[in-house]
Amino acid sequence: MENPGSSIISALGAGSGIDFGRLASELSEASFSFQRETLESRNSALEARISAASVLRGSLTSLSGALGDRIRNGDLSPQARIGNPAIARVSTTPGNSPSGSYSLEVAQLAEAQTLVSPSFASRDDLVGEGDLNIRFGTVAGATFTEDLDQNALSISVSATDTLADLAVRISSESDGALEAYVADGTGGAQLVIKGRDGGVNGFVLEPTSSNLLPTNTPGDLTYLGWSPATDSGQLRETAQDALFELDTVALSSASNRVTGLPEGIALDLTATNIGEPTDLSFSQDTSAITQVMTDFTAALNDIVALLNGGEDGTDKSLLNDQGARELRRDLARLTSETVISDADVGAPDTLGDLGLSLNRDGTFRLDTDLLARTLAERPDGAAAMFTISPQGVFATIDGLARDNSAIGDPASLGGSVTRYEAQIERNEERLERIAQQQSNLLERLTRSLSSAESQIATSQSTLSFIRQQFEISDNS
């Protein structure tokens, strides 16, 4: 932007031979260049520290996430085996590490009630005005026992509602308790209604017609009424619980997805095997623990390398950083820190027991011989260290990552980033003030030098006049 007064100086003709506009600009620039360059240099250094601290935080978070994924879903999770895989799919819930074997015998799968209405000529037939009340409970033979914990469904049916309209309304107004559709079969259009799995999820249809004399025929809402006492073939499936035995203990479930079993076992029941129980067992792949410890040691050394200045050791951004110093101390304690406080006597309870040790230079190494002995002598104890729970290897690393990401802790990497960002913000504010001060100085210098240029031009004009007078006098 052209500085104030430069046009004035140009208009005066710069009779002195000096570029006063440039002089004003250079003087104002020189007055503040040191302060500005100092602040910009500080900001560059602060940005380098923020970048280095953020990379370290990200590395810790990535290590925690990768370790958690391998425990939950990978080769570190307990491997389930079932003798007859047609009977059930077996899994474990996070945070549990089941072991040993169980017998499983499934006598009955959970089912949903399925009801098929009498036939209509078309899905577009009117069903009749009135109210359709649907209650939920247990259907057993010709009896129905209402489940008072479930709210009854009441649908107001208009005179213009068709069979297809009613199917849509049952599905949408039941909040997932019922699914209804119209099937166009060989005998005509029929309303199919299905409930949820589980014995208490049966239902009855209790219509009230607006007709003074209900006819119980198509077009009158009473035609759709149903109860087990009056069933004439409409009931196609009865709602029932899954019944099974785990280690000969009789259990039931409203769903074929069964959770809450011992040691966090979860089952998806798929078939029955009455009189032919199958075995299910759990085992830990010790080779997977060896591999994860190898990868874990390498990841820790990558973090140490970042603390030491990167691959070439030249990045000293965090040399005196408080958060980096605290992380070094945390890593130094890692091999001896107890990660399972309630481990059995003689069972591994530190990463050192799994072979992780610290070198003099702060890097880590893995004692594979010690790890092999631990896995051979206490395989269950070693496996127990790799669970998603408040204790164990994952909980320790996850806690380390969270602590170093805490922006409110000045002794963490997160606190360091917050502090450096605040310093950059203050420096930017100072740079803005310096820019304004430089602009003000430039304006003052321009005015002063413009005045000086004007005086010099006047003096030169006077001198030229006197010189002319002397020349005239000499000539005469």
Protein backbone atom coordinates (compact mmCIF):
# COMPACT_ATOMS: atom_id res chain seq x y z
CA MET A 1 0.00 0.00 0.00
CA GLU A 2 1.35 3.50 -0.88
CA ASN A 3 2.44 5.28 2.30
CA PRO A 4 0.83 8.61 3.28
CA GLY A 5 2.56 11.69 1.90
CA SER A 6 4.55 9.93 -0.84
CA SER A 7 2.54 11.73 -3.53
CA ILE A 8 3.32 15.05 -1.86
CA ILE A 9 7.05 14.34 -1.95
CA SER A 10 6.87 13.35 -5.61
CA ALA A 11 4.90 16.52 -6.43
CA LEU A 12 7.61 18.67 -4.88
CA GLY A 13 10.02 17.25 -7.36
CA ALA A 14 12.45 15.79 -4.79
CA GLY A 15 14.70 18.74 -5.42
CA SER A 16 17.26 17.55 -2.88
CA GLY A 17 17.95 14.42 -4.86
CA ILE A 18 16.96 12.30 -1.86
CA ASP A 19 14.04 9.79 -2.09
CA PHE A 20 12.30 10.88 1.11
CA GLY A 21 9.43 8.38 0.62
CA ARG A 22 11.83 5.46 0.55
CA LEU A 23 13.78 6.97 3.44
CA ALA A 24 10.61 7.18 5.58
CA SER A 25 9.71 3.58 4.75
CA GLU A 26 13.18 2.26 5.57
CA LEU A 27 13.37 4.21 8.83
CA SER A 28 10.01 2.92 10.04
CA GLU A 29 10.90 -0.60 8.96
CA ALA A 30 14.27 -0.49 10.75
CA SER A 31 12.67 0.83 13.94
CA PHE A 32 10.52 -2.30 14.41
CA SER A 33 12.24 -5.02 12.37
CA PHE A 34 14.13 -6.49 15.32
CA GLN A 35 11.00 -6.80 17.48
CA ARG A 36 8.98 -8.28 14.63
CA GLU A 37 11.66 -10.76 13.57
CA THR A 38 12.16 -11.82 17.20
CA LEU A 39 8.44 -12.53 17.66
CA GLU A 40 8.16 -14.32 14.32
CA SER A 41 11.15 -16.48 15.22
CA ARG A 42 9.57 -17.31 18.56
CA ASN A 43 6.32 -18.27 16.84
CA SER A 44 8.17 -20.56 14.45
CA ALA A 45 9.84 -22.29 17.38
CA LEU A 46 6.51 -22.56 19.22
CA GLU A 47 4.83 -24.05 16.16
CA ALA A 48 7.61 -26.63 15.93
CA ARG A 49 7.02 -27.55 19.60
CA ILE A 50 3.26 -27.82 19.03
CA SER A 51 3.86 -30.08 16.04
CA ALA A 52 6.29 -32.32 17.93
CA ALA A 53 4.03 -32.57 21.00
CA SER A 54 0.99 -33.31 18.83
CA VAL A 55 2.84 -36.09 17.00
CA LEU A 56 3.81 -37.63 20.35
CA ARG A 57 0.24 -37.42 21.63
CA GLY A 58 -1.02 -38.98 18.42
CA SER A 59 1.50 -41.81 18.66
CA LEU A 60 0.36 -42.65 22.21
CA THR A 61 -3.31 -42.54 21.22
CA SER A 62 -2.68 -44.70 18.15
CA LEU A 63 -0.81 -47.27 20.25
CA SER A 64 -3.67 -47.42 22.75
CA GLY A 65 -6.27 -47.76 19.99
CA ALA A 66 -4.37 -50.46 18.11
CA LEU A 67 -3.81 -52.46 21.30
CA GLY A 68 -7.50 -52.19 22.23
CA ASP A 69 -8.59 -53.35 18.76
CA ARG A 70 -6.35 -56.41 18.90
CA ILE A 71 -7.69 -57.37 22.33
CA ARG A 72 -11.33 -56.84 21.38
CA ASN A 73 -11.40 -58.23 17.87
CA GLY A 74 -8.03 -59.65 16.94
CA ASP A 75 -5.84 -62.59 17.78
CA LEU A 76 -5.55 -61.53 21.44
CA SER A 77 -9.24 -62.14 22.12
CA PRO A 78 -10.04 -65.62 23.49
CA GLN A 79 -10.63 -68.07 20.66
CA ALA A 80 -13.92 -69.95 21.02
CA ARG A 81 -14.43 -73.43 19.61
CA ILE A 82 -17.72 -75.35 19.47
CA GLY A 83 -18.04 -79.02 18.65
CA ASN A 84 -21.22 -78.58 16.57
CA PRO A 85 -21.10 -75.12 14.95
CA ALA A 86 -24.65 -75.56 13.62
CA ILE A 87 -26.04 -75.19 17.15
CA ALA A 88 -24.69 -71.73 18.04
CA ARG A 89 -22.17 -69.02 17.32
CA VAL A 90 -19.98 -68.25 20.33
CA SER A 91 -18.33 -64.93 21.24
CA THR A 92 -17.14 -63.05 24.32
CA THR A 93 -18.02 -59.62 25.61
CA PRO A 94 -15.21 -57.03 25.89
CA GLY A 95 -13.28 -57.08 29.14
CA ASN A 96 -13.63 -60.84 29.68
CA SER A 97 -11.24 -63.70 29.02
CA PRO A 98 -13.11 -67.00 29.46
CA SER A 99 -11.21 -70.26 29.68
CA GLY A 100 -11.98 -73.94 30.03
CA SER A 101 -14.88 -75.80 28.42
CA TYR A 102 -18.68 -76.03 28.75
CA SER A 103 -21.43 -78.33 27.50
CA LEU A 104 -24.36 -76.80 25.59
CA GLU A 105 -27.71 -78.42 24.85
CA VAL A 106 -30.46 -76.39 23.16
CA ALA A 107 -33.99 -77.67 23.62
CA GLN A 108 -35.92 -74.79 22.03
CA LEU A 109 -35.20 -71.68 20.02
CA ALA A 110 -36.89 -68.36 20.75
CA GLU A 111 -39.77 -67.67 18.38
CA ALA A 112 -42.11 -64.80 17.59
CA GLN A 113 -45.88 -65.15 17.31
CA THR A 114 -47.10 -65.12 13.72
CA LEU A 115 -50.78 -64.49 13.02
CA VAL A 116 -52.47 -64.69 9.60
CA SER A 117 -55.94 -63.14 9.21
CA PRO A 118 -58.90 -64.59 7.30
CA SER A 119 -58.89 -63.74 3.60
CA PHE A 120 -60.04 -60.56 1.89
CA ALA A 121 -60.72 -60.21 -1.82
CA SER A 122 -58.05 -57.52 -2.21
CA ARG A 123 -55.47 -55.59 -0.19
CA ASP A 124 -57.51 -52.49 -1.09
CA ASP A 125 -60.64 -53.77 0.65
CA LEU A 126 -61.97 -51.60 3.48
CA VAL A 127 -61.58 -53.18 6.92
CA GLY A 128 -64.35 -51.21 8.61
CA GLU A 129 -64.48 -48.30 11.02
CA GLY A 130 -63.81 -48.78 14.72
CA ASP A 131 -61.00 -49.32 17.25
CA LEU A 132 -58.44 -52.11 17.17
CA ASN A 133 -56.95 -52.93 20.57
CA ILE A 134 -53.85 -55.17 20.74
CA ARG A 135 -52.68 -56.54 24.08
CA PHE A 136 -49.39 -58.35 24.72
CA GLY A 137 -48.64 -61.35 26.92
CA THR A 138 -48.26 -65.12 26.98
CA VAL A 139 -50.28 -67.43 24.75
CA ALA A 140 -50.43 -70.98 26.09
CA GLY A 141 -52.88 -73.33 24.46
CA ALA A 142 -56.30 -71.67 24.58
CA THR A 143 -55.35 -69.16 27.27
CA PHE A 144 -53.85 -65.68 27.16
CA THR A 145 -52.15 -64.00 30.15
CA GLU A 146 -51.54 -60.30 29.68
CA ASP A 147 -48.10 -58.86 30.45
CA LEU A 148 -48.99 -55.71 32.36
CA ASP A 149 -45.47 -54.33 31.89
CA GLN A 150 -46.23 -53.83 28.19
CA ASN A 151 -48.60 -51.09 27.08
CA ALA A 152 -51.52 -52.15 24.93
CA LEU A 153 -51.71 -50.71 21.41
CA SER A 154 -54.92 -48.92 20.41
CA ILE A 155 -55.49 -47.99 16.77
CA SER A 156 -58.42 -45.86 15.65
CA VAL A 157 -59.49 -47.20 12.24
CA SER A 158 -61.35 -44.87 9.88
CA ALA A 159 -64.05 -45.80 7.39
CA THR A 160 -61.59 -45.28 4.52
CA ASP A 161 -58.76 -47.49 5.85
CA THR A 162 -57.93 -50.45 3.62
CA LEU A 163 -56.26 -53.71 4.64
CA ALA A 164 -52.94 -52.33 3.33
CA ASP A 165 -53.43 -49.10 5.30
CA LEU A 166 -54.04 -51.04 8.50
CA ALA A 167 -50.85 -53.10 7.99
CA VAL A 168 -48.82 -49.90 7.70
CA ARG A 169 -50.39 -48.41 10.80
CA ILE A 170 -49.82 -51.51 12.93
CA SER A 171 -46.11 -51.51 12.02
CA SER A 172 -45.60 -47.78 12.50
CA GLU A 173 -47.67 -47.30 15.68
CA SER A 174 -46.40 -50.35 17.59
CA ASP A 175 -42.91 -48.89 18.10
CA GLY A 176 -41.21 -52.02 16.82
CA ALA A 177 -43.32 -54.49 18.82
CA LEU A 178 -45.16 -55.70 15.71
CA GLU A 179 -44.46 -56.06 12.01
CA ALA A 180 -47.44 -56.29 9.66
CA TYR A 181 -47.86 -56.69 5.90
CA VAL A 182 -50.43 -57.97 3.39
CA ALA A 183 -49.71 -61.26 1.63
CA ASP A 184 -51.53 -61.89 -1.65
CA GLY A 185 -51.95 -65.66 -1.52
CA THR A 186 -53.97 -68.14 -3.57
CA GLY A 187 -56.92 -67.67 -1.23
CA GLY A 188 -56.90 -63.87 -1.42
CA ALA A 189 -55.28 -61.03 0.54
CA GLN A 190 -54.38 -61.80 4.15
CA LEU A 191 -52.98 -59.60 6.92
CA VAL A 192 -49.81 -61.11 8.43
CA ILE A 193 -48.72 -59.84 11.86
CA LYS A 194 -45.46 -60.90 13.57
CA GLY A 195 -44.39 -60.01 17.10
CA ARG A 196 -41.01 -60.06 18.83
CA ASP A 197 -39.19 -63.17 20.01
CA GLY A 198 -39.98 -64.28 23.55
CA GLY A 199 -42.82 -65.96 25.38
CA VAL A 200 -44.28 -62.74 26.83
CA ASN A 201 -44.51 -61.12 23.39
CA GLY A 202 -47.61 -62.95 22.22
CA PHE A 203 -50.64 -60.82 21.42
CA VAL A 204 -54.42 -60.82 20.89
CA LEU A 205 -56.52 -58.67 18.51
CA GLU A 206 -59.62 -57.12 20.07
CA PRO A 207 -61.55 -54.98 17.54
CA THR A 208 -64.60 -52.88 18.36
CA SER A 209 -66.76 -52.09 15.32
CA SER A 210 -68.58 -48.80 14.83
CA ASN A 211 -71.53 -50.75 13.41
CA LEU A 212 -74.46 -51.12 15.75
CA LEU A 213 -74.77 -54.74 14.68
CA PRO A 214 -71.25 -56.13 13.98
CA THR A 215 -71.32 -58.79 11.25
CA ASN A 216 -67.91 -60.43 11.74
CA THR A 217 -67.51 -60.41 7.95
CA PRO A 218 -65.04 -58.65 5.57
CA GLY A 219 -65.66 -54.91 5.80
CA ASP A 220 -66.53 -55.09 9.50
CA LEU A 221 -63.56 -54.62 11.87
CA THR A 222 -64.65 -57.55 14.06
CA TYR A 223 -63.65 -59.84 11.17
CA LEU A 224 -60.00 -59.33 12.28
CA GLY A 225 -60.50 -60.30 15.93
CA TRP A 226 -58.38 -63.10 17.36
CA SER A 227 -57.72 -64.82 20.68
CA PRO A 228 -56.29 -68.28 21.42
CA ALA A 229 -59.67 -69.42 22.72
CA THR A 230 -61.30 -68.74 19.32
CA ASP A 231 -58.35 -69.70 17.10
CA SER A 232 -59.36 -71.49 13.94
CA GLY A 233 -56.01 -71.73 12.24
CA GLN A 234 -54.88 -68.11 12.21
CA LEU A 235 -52.04 -68.77 14.69
CA ARG A 236 -49.06 -70.03 12.67
CA GLU A 237 -46.24 -69.59 15.22
CA THR A 238 -46.47 -69.27 19.01
CA ALA A 239 -44.20 -66.84 20.85
CA GLN A 240 -41.71 -68.72 23.01
CA ASP A 241 -38.40 -68.34 24.87
CA ALA A 242 -35.19 -70.12 24.01
CA LEU A 243 -34.56 -73.04 26.38
CA PHE A 244 -31.08 -74.48 26.80
CA GLU A 245 -28.67 -75.99 29.29
CA LEU A 246 -25.14 -74.76 29.94
CA ASP A 247 -23.19 -77.36 31.87
CA THR A 248 -26.58 -79.02 32.59
CA VAL A 249 -27.93 -75.83 34.22
CA ALA A 250 -31.34 -75.00 32.72
CA LEU A 251 -31.54 -71.46 31.33
CA SER A 252 -33.96 -69.45 29.20
CA SER A 253 -33.80 -66.35 27.04
CA ALA A 254 -36.43 -64.25 25.30
CA SER A 255 -34.01 -63.90 22.38
CA ASN A 256 -31.72 -66.29 20.54
CA ARG A 257 -28.97 -63.76 21.25
CA VAL A 258 -27.94 -64.74 24.77
CA THR A 259 -25.64 -62.57 26.90
CA GLY A 260 -24.87 -62.35 30.61
CA LEU A 261 -23.48 -65.88 30.75
CA PRO A 262 -20.50 -66.84 32.95
CA GLU A 263 -17.15 -65.24 32.06
CA GLY A 264 -18.79 -62.95 29.52
CA ILE A 265 -19.76 -65.74 27.12
CA ALA A 266 -22.34 -64.73 24.48
CA LEU A 267 -24.32 -67.15 22.28
CA ASP A 268 -26.33 -66.80 19.10
CA LEU A 269 -28.50 -69.92 19.15
CA THR A 270 -29.24 -71.29 15.69
CA ALA A 271 -30.52 -74.88 16.12
CA THR A 272 -31.55 -77.49 18.71
CA ASN A 273 -29.61 -80.58 19.78
CA ILE A 274 -31.87 -82.34 22.28
CA GLY A 275 -30.08 -85.27 23.86
CA GLU A 276 -26.84 -84.50 22.01
CA PRO A 277 -24.99 -81.77 23.95
CA THR A 278 -22.03 -80.16 22.25
CA ASP A 279 -18.85 -78.85 23.82
CA LEU A 280 -17.64 -75.26 23.64
CA SER A 281 -14.18 -74.23 24.83
CA PHE A 282 -11.89 -71.21 24.95
CA SER A 283 -8.16 -70.97 24.53
CA GLN A 284 -5.59 -68.22 24.20
CA ASP A 285 -3.07 -68.18 21.36
CA THR A 286 0.21 -67.63 23.21
CA SER A 287 2.04 -66.94 19.95
CA ALA A 288 -0.26 -63.93 19.51
CA ILE A 289 0.94 -62.54 22.86
CA THR A 290 4.55 -62.93 21.72
CA GLN A 291 3.79 -61.06 18.51
CA VAL A 292 1.91 -58.26 20.24
CA MET A 293 4.73 -57.80 22.75
CA THR A 294 7.20 -57.58 19.85
CA ASP A 295 5.04 -54.96 18.11
CA PHE A 296 4.43 -53.17 21.40
CA THR A 297 8.17 -52.88 22.12
CA ALA A 298 8.81 -51.49 18.63
CA ALA A 299 6.01 -48.93 19.05
CA LEU A 300 7.42 -47.79 22.41
CA ASN A 301 10.85 -47.32 20.82
CA ASP A 302 9.27 -45.21 18.07
CA ILE A 303 7.88 -42.94 20.79
CA VAL A 304 11.26 -42.77 22.52
CA ALA A 305 12.84 -41.84 19.16
CA LEU A 306 10.40 -38.94 18.83
CA LEU A 307 11.33 -37.79 22.33
CA ASN A 308 15.00 -37.95 21.36
CA GLY A 309 14.61 -35.73 18.31
CA GLY A 310 13.26 -37.96 15.56
CA GLU A 311 15.09 -40.39 13.31
CA ASP A 312 18.22 -38.25 12.98
CA GLY A 313 18.06 -36.79 16.51
CA THR A 314 18.14 -33.20 15.27
CA ASP A 315 14.67 -32.08 16.36
CA LYS A 316 15.21 -30.51 19.77
CA SER A 317 11.81 -28.80 19.92
CA LEU A 318 10.81 -30.59 23.12
CA LEU A 319 14.24 -30.71 24.73
CA ASN A 320 13.11 -28.64 27.74
CA ASP A 321 9.38 -29.28 27.50
CA GLN A 322 7.66 -30.11 30.79
CA GLY A 323 5.20 -32.53 29.22
CA ALA A 324 7.98 -34.39 27.39
CA ARG A 325 9.98 -34.70 30.62
CA GLU A 326 6.98 -36.16 32.42
CA LEU A 327 6.42 -38.64 29.57
CA ARG A 328 10.05 -39.77 29.88
CA ARG A 329 9.48 -40.45 33.56
CA ASP A 330 6.27 -42.36 32.79
CA LEU A 331 8.06 -44.53 30.25
CA ALA A 332 10.93 -45.19 32.66
CA ARG A 333 8.42 -46.58 35.19
CA LEU A 334 6.54 -48.65 32.63
CA THR A 335 8.41 -51.94 33.00
CA SER A 336 8.07 -52.12 36.80
CA GLU A 337 4.60 -50.61 37.22
CA THR A 338 1.97 -53.07 38.50
CA VAL A 339 -0.76 -53.32 35.89
CA ILE A 340 -2.89 -55.97 37.65
CA SER A 341 -3.20 -55.33 41.36
CA ASP A 342 -5.16 -58.47 42.20
CA ALA A 343 -3.15 -61.03 40.24
CA ASP A 344 -2.73 -64.47 41.80
CA VAL A 345 0.48 -65.17 43.68
CA GLY A 346 3.22 -65.94 41.18
CA ALA A 347 1.16 -64.72 38.23
CA PRO A 348 2.60 -61.97 36.01
CA ASP A 349 1.48 -58.51 37.05
CA THR A 350 4.00 -56.16 35.36
CA LEU A 351 5.18 -55.65 31.81
CA GLY A 352 8.60 -56.68 33.09
CA ASP A 353 7.12 -60.13 33.79
CA LEU A 354 6.29 -60.31 30.08
CA GLY A 355 9.89 -59.60 29.13
CA LEU A 356 9.80 -55.83 28.62
CA SER A 357 12.94 -54.13 29.97
CA LEU A 358 14.60 -50.71 29.76
CA ASN A 359 18.00 -49.97 28.23
CA ARG A 360 20.38 -47.36 29.66
CA ASP A 361 19.56 -44.96 26.81
CA GLY A 362 15.84 -45.04 27.61
CA THR A 363 14.89 -47.41 24.79
CA PHE A 364 13.11 -50.72 25.35
CA ARG A 365 14.03 -54.31 24.58
CA LEU A 366 12.07 -57.57 24.78
CA ASP A 367 13.51 -60.53 26.66
CA THR A 368 11.93 -63.27 24.56
CA ASP A 369 13.30 -66.04 26.80
CA LEU A 370 11.60 -64.56 29.88
CA LEU A 371 8.37 -64.07 27.92
CA ALA A 372 8.47 -67.70 26.72
CA ARG A 373 8.89 -68.96 30.30
CA THR A 374 5.97 -66.84 31.51
CA LEU A 375 3.73 -68.10 28.70
CA ALA A 376 4.72 -71.69 29.38
CA GLU A 377 4.33 -71.55 33.17
CA ARG A 378 1.41 -69.08 33.57
CA PRO A 379 -0.44 -68.84 30.24
CA ASP A 380 -3.75 -67.86 31.89
CA GLY A 381 -2.05 -65.14 33.94
CA ALA A 382 -0.36 -63.73 30.83
CA ALA A 383 -3.65 -63.78 28.92
CA ALA A 384 -5.38 -61.99 31.81
CA MET A 385 -3.09 -59.00 31.25
CA PHE A 386 -4.62 -58.46 27.81
CA THR A 387 -8.27 -57.60 28.48
CA ILE A 388 -10.44 -54.52 28.05
CA SER A 389 -10.87 -53.79 31.74
CA PRO A 390 -9.77 -51.23 34.36
CA GLN A 391 -6.55 -53.20 34.78
CA GLY A 392 -4.01 -54.72 32.42
CA VAL A 393 -1.70 -53.64 29.63
CA PHE A 394 -4.39 -51.82 27.64
CA ALA A 395 -5.68 -49.89 30.67
CA THR A 396 -2.11 -48.81 31.48
CA ILE A 397 -1.34 -47.55 27.96
CA ASP A 398 -4.79 -46.02 27.56
CA GLY A 399 -4.31 -44.15 30.84
CA LEU A 400 -0.89 -42.97 29.69
CA ALA A 401 -2.37 -41.66 26.44
CA ARG A 402 -5.26 -39.93 28.21
CA ASP A 403 -3.00 -38.33 30.83
CA ASN A 404 -0.72 -36.92 28.15
CA SER A 405 -3.68 -35.55 26.17
CA ALA A 406 -5.19 -33.70 29.14
CA ILE A 407 -5.10 -30.03 28.14
CA GLY A 408 -5.76 -28.92 31.71
CA ASP A 409 -2.61 -30.55 33.10
CA PRO A 410 0.45 -28.30 32.63
CA ALA A 411 2.72 -31.34 33.13
CA SER A 412 1.28 -33.16 30.10
CA LEU A 413 1.85 -32.91 26.38
CA GLY A 414 -1.71 -31.60 26.05
CA GLY A 415 -0.90 -28.90 28.58
CA SER A 416 2.24 -28.02 26.64
CA VAL A 417 0.27 -27.60 23.41
CA THR A 418 -2.26 -25.37 25.19
CA ARG A 419 0.53 -23.27 26.69
CA TYR A 420 2.37 -22.85 23.36
CA GLU A 421 -0.84 -21.96 21.53
CA ALA A 422 -1.56 -19.26 24.12
CA GLN A 423 1.97 -17.86 23.68
CA ILE A 424 1.54 -17.74 19.89
CA GLU A 425 -1.76 -15.92 20.34
CA ARG A 426 -0.11 -13.32 22.59
CA ASN A 427 2.76 -12.91 20.10
CA GLU A 428 0.31 -12.42 17.25
CA GLU A 429 -1.39 -9.67 19.24
CA ARG A 430 2.00 -7.99 19.80
CA LEU A 431 2.77 -8.27 16.07
CA GLU A 432 -0.51 -6.54 15.30
CA ARG A 433 0.37 -3.71 17.68
CA ILE A 434 3.86 -3.43 16.15
CA ALA A 435 2.34 -3.23 12.67
CA GLN A 436 0.09 -0.40 13.82
CA GLN A 437 2.98 1.41 15.54
CA GLN A 438 5.11 1.09 12.39
CA SER A 439 2.29 2.46 10.29
CA ASN A 440 1.89 5.43 12.64
CA LEU A 441 5.66 6.12 12.56
CA LEU A 442 5.71 5.93 8.78
CA GLU A 443 2.94 8.50 8.60
CA ARG A 444 4.75 10.88 10.98
CA LEU A 445 8.09 10.51 9.15
CA THR A 446 6.42 11.10 5.82
CA ARG A 447 4.86 14.33 7.04
CA SER A 448 8.15 15.53 8.57
CA LEU A 449 10.23 14.68 5.53
CA SER A 450 7.64 16.20 3.22
CA SER A 451 8.00 19.43 5.17
CA ALA A 452 11.80 19.21 4.97
CA GLU A 453 11.64 18.60 1.24
CA SER A 454 9.40 21.64 0.83
CA GLN A 455 11.88 23.83 2.73
CA ILE A 456 14.79 22.51 0.67
CA ALA A 457 12.90 23.22 -2.52
CA THR A 458 12.17 26.80 -1.35
CA SER A 459 15.84 27.35 -0.44
CA GLN A 460 16.97 26.07 -3.82
CA SER A 461 14.51 28.41 -5.54
CA THR A 462 15.83 31.38 -3.57
CA LEU A 463 19.42 30.38 -4.30
CA SER A 464 18.64 30.11 -7.98
CA PHE A 465 17.10 33.61 -7.98
CA ILE A 466 20.16 35.15 -6.27
CA ARG A 467 22.47 33.36 -8.66
CA GLN A 468 20.53 34.83 -11.58
CA GLN A 469 20.81 38.33 -10.12
CA PHE A 470 24.59 38.02 -9.77
CA GLU A 471 24.85 36.78 -13.32
CA ILE A 472 22.86 39.79 -14.55
CA SER A 473 25.08 42.12 -12.52
CA ASP A 474 28.25 40.56 -13.92
CA ASN A 475 27.00 40.83 -17.47
CA SER A 476 26.19 44.52 -17.03
